[in-house]
Protein backbone atom coordinates (compact mmCIF):
# COMPACT_ATOMS: atom_id res chain seq x y z
CA MET A 1 6.67 -6.10 -7.25
CA SER A 2 6.73 -2.47 -8.36
CA ALA A 3 4.35 -1.40 -11.15
CA LEU A 4 7.42 -0.06 -13.09
CA THR A 5 9.71 -3.03 -13.10
CA THR A 6 12.14 -2.73 -15.91
CA THR A 7 12.71 -5.29 -18.61
CA LYS A 8 16.12 -6.13 -17.40
CA GLU A 9 14.73 -6.91 -14.00
CA LEU A 10 12.09 -9.22 -15.66
CA HIS A 11 14.69 -11.00 -17.69
CA LYS A 12 16.68 -11.91 -14.47
CA MET A 13 13.62 -13.68 -13.17
CA SER A 14 12.97 -17.40 -13.34
CA PRO A 15 10.12 -18.43 -15.75
CA LYS A 16 8.20 -19.74 -12.69
CA ASP A 17 8.36 -16.53 -10.83
CA LEU A 18 7.62 -14.53 -13.83
CA LEU A 19 4.52 -16.59 -14.42
CA LYS A 20 3.39 -15.83 -10.87
CA GLU A 21 3.93 -12.05 -11.42
CA ILE A 22 1.96 -12.31 -14.68
CA ILE A 23 -1.02 -13.85 -12.94
CA ALA A 24 -0.92 -11.11 -10.29
CA GLN A 25 -0.61 -8.40 -12.93
CA GLU A 26 -3.61 -9.92 -14.80
CA ASN A 27 -5.73 -9.69 -11.67
CA THR A 28 -4.62 -6.15 -11.09
CA VAL A 29 -5.58 -5.16 -14.68
CA VAL A 30 -9.03 -6.76 -14.29
CA LYS A 31 -9.75 -5.06 -11.14
CA LEU A 32 -8.76 -1.56 -12.51
CA ARG A 33 -10.65 -2.19 -15.64
CA LEU A 34 -13.89 -2.91 -13.55
CA GLY A 35 -12.96 0.12 -11.48
CA VAL A 36 -12.74 2.57 -14.51
CA LYS A 37 -15.98 0.98 -16.12
CA LEU A 38 -17.99 1.55 -12.93
CA GLY A 39 -16.62 4.95 -12.27
CA LYS A 40 -14.89 3.94 -8.97
CA GLU A 41 -11.39 4.38 -10.33
CA LYS A 42 -10.63 8.00 -11.33
CA ASP A 43 -7.16 7.42 -12.60
CA SER A 44 -7.75 5.64 -16.02
CA ALA A 45 -4.12 6.23 -17.01
CA LYS A 46 -3.13 3.88 -14.25
CA TYR A 47 -5.14 1.15 -15.89
CA ILE A 48 -3.23 1.81 -19.25
CA ARG A 49 0.17 1.74 -17.45
CA GLU A 50 -0.54 -1.47 -15.90
CA LYS A 51 -1.91 -2.99 -19.01
CA LYS A 52 1.21 -1.99 -20.94
CA GLN A 53 3.40 -3.43 -18.02
CA LEU A 54 1.36 -6.78 -18.29
CA ALA A 55 2.13 -6.81 -22.10
CA ARG A 56 5.96 -6.27 -21.40
CA MET A 57 5.92 -9.17 -18.78
CA LYS A 58 4.27 -11.56 -21.39
CA THR A 59 6.70 -10.64 -24.08
CA VAL A 60 9.66 -11.15 -21.68
CA TYR A 61 8.15 -14.47 -20.54
CA SER A 62 7.72 -15.77 -24.17
CA SER A 63 11.35 -15.04 -24.80
CA VAL A 64 12.59 -16.41 -21.65
CA SER A 65 10.60 -19.55 -21.82
CA SER A 66 11.56 -20.01 -25.67
CA SER A 67 15.34 -19.61 -24.85
CA SER A 68 15.07 -22.05 -22.04
CA GLU A 69 13.48 -24.47 -24.28
CA LYS A 70 16.45 -24.04 -26.71
CA ASN A 71 18.95 -24.57 -23.97
CA GLU A 72 17.30 -27.88 -22.95
CA ASN A 73 17.66 -29.32 -26.50
């Protein structure tokens, strides 16, 4: 998945697929954070962009999962 996935595209995903993407994004953020701290990664703005994308994904996941729970009841 591209780093700049829109929220509309995220809303179209199933909760299972979205959760897989969140886990992958968390791994990316951890690697970038280590790279920035150790001085291996020169583009610290990339770390910030990826971290914001992770926050967007988690927000969409919480709204999608809560709406799916409402539909089940």
